[in-house]
Amino acid sequence: MMTDAVPNLAQKYCTRVLALVQELAGSDHPARLWLVTRGAQAVADEPDGLSMHQSPLWGMGNVIASEHPDLGCTCIDLSPDASPDESAKSLLSELLSDDDERQIAFRAQGRFAARLARYRFGTPVYENVPVRDNASLYSLKSDREGQPRKKWA
């Protein structure tokens, strides 16, 4: 996908989800909200080939879960490599499950759920980046670059 199209598609998807949430939140009988993406989340060691135009939906899902807990917003990320039949099976099994998980990813290795885990960074290294007017901008870096902060279990 051309990189110029990513922000436009992301905005389009997020705008549609926002309109849907506003309708559901204004309803007398709000329904449960499921946000389904395909290859939008990196699970384990697969950072390549992410659907960047779908990834912002997971951020929206977190906000929706916080601001409208009555919607029970759940994010499901289907495997980018799965066949349509496999994806349908995974999605159907999740929709029918009586599970409290709110962030699920399906991959060839199975079903993953996001977990927060204590993360130990190595010794931090500060990098001094000069900016205009004799000011400096500091950014904190870790000696373990590229390590995920969200652990999939």
Protein backbone atom coordinates (compact mmCIF):
# COMPACT_ATOMS: atom_id res chain seq x y z
CA MET A 1 0.00 0.00 0.00
CA MET A 2 1.29 3.46 -0.82
CA THR A 3 2.32 5.32 2.31
CA ASP A 4 0.38 8.43 1.23
CA ALA A 5 -2.86 6.46 1.49
CA VAL A 6 -2.27 5.25 5.07
CA PRO A 7 -3.28 8.47 6.90
CA ASN A 8 -6.33 8.91 4.67
CA LEU A 9 -7.55 5.35 5.26
CA ALA A 10 -6.83 5.56 8.99
CA GLN A 11 -8.83 8.77 9.23
CA LYS A 12 -11.67 7.26 7.21
CA TYR A 13 -11.88 4.18 9.45
CA CYS A 14 -11.63 6.19 12.67
CA THR A 15 -14.30 8.65 11.52
CA ARG A 16 -16.68 5.78 10.78
CA VAL A 17 -16.02 4.16 14.15
CA LEU A 18 -16.56 7.49 15.91
CA ALA A 19 -19.94 7.92 14.20
CA LEU A 20 -20.91 4.37 15.16
CA VAL A 21 -19.89 4.90 18.80
CA GLN A 22 -21.86 8.13 18.97
CA GLU A 23 -24.95 6.31 17.69
CA LEU A 24 -24.49 3.39 20.07
CA ALA A 25 -23.80 5.63 23.06
CA GLY A 26 -26.93 7.66 22.34
CA SER A 27 -29.10 4.57 22.11
CA ASP A 28 -31.37 3.39 24.90
CA HIS A 29 -30.04 -0.13 24.36
CA PRO A 30 -26.33 0.06 23.56
CA ALA A 31 -24.91 -3.01 21.86
CA ARG A 32 -21.50 -4.53 22.37
CA LEU A 33 -18.86 -3.12 20.03
CA TRP A 34 -16.29 -5.29 18.28
CA LEU A 35 -13.48 -3.65 16.29
CA VAL A 36 -12.02 -6.21 13.89
CA THR A 37 -8.73 -5.61 12.10
CA ARG A 38 -6.41 -7.78 10.05
CA GLY A 39 -2.68 -7.64 10.72
CA ALA A 40 -2.88 -4.36 12.65
CA GLN A 41 -0.95 -5.55 15.72
CA ALA A 42 2.54 -6.99 15.99
CA VAL A 43 2.47 -10.24 17.92
CA ALA A 44 5.76 -11.71 19.11
CA ASP A 45 8.46 -11.01 16.52
CA GLU A 46 6.43 -9.97 13.50
CA PRO A 47 6.82 -6.20 13.11
CA ASP A 48 6.97 -6.37 9.31
CA GLY A 49 3.89 -6.09 7.16
CA LEU A 50 1.58 -4.41 9.65
CA SER A 51 -1.62 -2.82 8.39
CA MET A 52 -0.75 0.66 9.60
CA HIS A 53 -4.03 2.10 8.35
CA GLN A 54 -5.93 -0.20 10.74
CA SER A 55 -3.69 0.12 13.80
CA PRO A 56 -5.24 3.40 15.04
CA LEU A 57 -8.52 1.54 15.57
CA TRP A 58 -6.92 -0.23 18.53
CA GLY A 59 -6.07 3.12 20.07
CA MET A 60 -9.66 4.18 19.55
CA GLY A 61 -10.78 0.90 21.10
CA ASN A 62 -8.85 1.72 24.27
CA VAL A 63 -10.45 5.15 24.49
CA ILE A 64 -13.92 3.74 23.78
CA ALA A 65 -13.45 1.10 26.50
CA SER A 66 -12.53 3.84 28.94
CA GLU A 67 -15.20 6.39 28.00
CA HIS A 68 -18.05 3.99 27.22
CA PRO A 69 -17.52 0.84 29.30
CA ASP A 70 -21.16 -0.11 28.68
CA LEU A 71 -20.24 -0.90 25.06
CA GLY A 72 -17.79 -3.63 26.11
CA CYS A 73 -15.47 -2.64 23.26
CA THR A 74 -13.31 -5.55 22.14
CA CYS A 75 -10.50 -5.39 19.57
CA ILE A 76 -9.80 -8.48 17.50
CA ASP A 77 -6.87 -8.68 15.11
CA LEU A 78 -7.10 -11.47 12.57
CA SER A 79 -4.01 -13.05 11.09
CA PRO A 80 -2.88 -11.38 7.87
CA ASP A 81 -1.85 -14.82 6.58
CA ALA A 82 -5.07 -16.69 7.36
CA SER A 83 -7.50 -17.78 4.68
CA PRO A 84 -10.99 -16.27 4.67
CA ASP A 85 -12.35 -19.53 6.13
CA GLU A 86 -9.78 -19.57 8.94
CA SER A 87 -10.47 -15.90 9.71
CA ALA A 88 -14.22 -16.52 9.79
CA LYS A 89 -13.76 -19.48 12.18
CA SER A 90 -11.53 -17.44 14.49
CA LEU A 91 -13.90 -14.49 14.49
CA LEU A 92 -17.00 -16.61 15.05
CA SER A 93 -15.40 -18.51 17.93
CA GLU A 94 -14.45 -15.21 19.57
CA LEU A 95 -17.87 -13.66 19.08
CA LEU A 96 -19.52 -16.69 20.66
CA SER A 97 -17.07 -17.04 23.55
CA ASP A 98 -17.95 -15.95 27.05
CA ASP A 99 -14.57 -14.35 27.64
CA ASP A 100 -13.65 -11.06 29.28
CA GLU A 101 -10.60 -10.44 27.08
CA ARG A 102 -10.73 -7.10 25.30
CA GLN A 103 -7.64 -7.32 23.06
CA ILE A 104 -7.22 -10.51 21.08
CA ALA A 105 -4.97 -11.40 18.17
CA PHE A 106 -5.17 -14.56 16.10
CA ARG A 107 -2.06 -15.91 14.42
CA ALA A 108 -0.93 -19.24 12.98
CA GLN A 109 0.41 -20.13 16.45
CA GLY A 110 -3.02 -19.61 18.03
CA ARG A 111 -4.99 -17.04 20.00
CA PHE A 112 -3.15 -14.32 21.89
CA ALA A 113 -4.43 -11.85 24.48
CA ALA A 114 -2.64 -8.66 25.47
CA ARG A 115 -1.14 -8.62 28.95
CA LEU A 116 0.60 -5.91 30.86
CA ALA A 117 3.85 -7.15 32.31
CA ARG A 118 6.61 -5.50 34.27
CA TYR A 119 9.29 -4.54 31.81
CA ARG A 120 12.87 -3.94 32.86
CA PHE A 121 14.82 -1.61 30.67
CA GLY A 122 18.57 -1.73 30.55
CA THR A 123 20.63 1.20 31.74
CA PRO A 124 19.07 4.27 30.11
CA VAL A 125 21.14 6.35 27.76
CA TYR A 126 20.29 10.01 27.29
CA GLU A 127 20.77 11.47 23.86
CA ASN A 128 21.30 15.21 23.56
CA VAL A 129 19.69 16.56 20.41
CA PRO A 130 20.51 20.23 19.73
CA VAL A 131 17.64 22.49 18.72
CA ARG A 132 17.47 26.20 17.90
CA ASP A 133 18.00 29.09 20.33
CA ASN A 134 20.60 27.27 22.45
CA ALA A 135 17.96 24.93 23.83
CA SER A 136 18.31 21.17 23.92
CA LEU A 137 15.80 18.41 23.45
CA TYR A 138 16.44 15.24 25.42
CA SER A 139 15.04 11.85 24.59
CA LEU A 140 15.36 8.77 26.74
CA LYS A 141 16.55 5.69 24.95
CA SER A 142 17.04 2.15 26.16
CA ASP A 143 19.93 -0.12 25.33
CA ARG A 144 17.27 -2.66 24.32
CA GLU A 145 15.78 -0.87 21.34
CA GLY A 146 12.94 -2.51 19.54
CA GLN A 147 11.67 -4.43 22.55
CA PRO A 148 7.88 -4.47 22.74
CA ARG A 149 6.20 -2.81 25.69
CA LYS A 150 3.04 -4.86 25.35
CA LYS A 151 3.43 -8.55 25.89
CA TRP A 152 1.16 -11.01 24.13
CA ALA A 153 0.31 -14.12 26.13
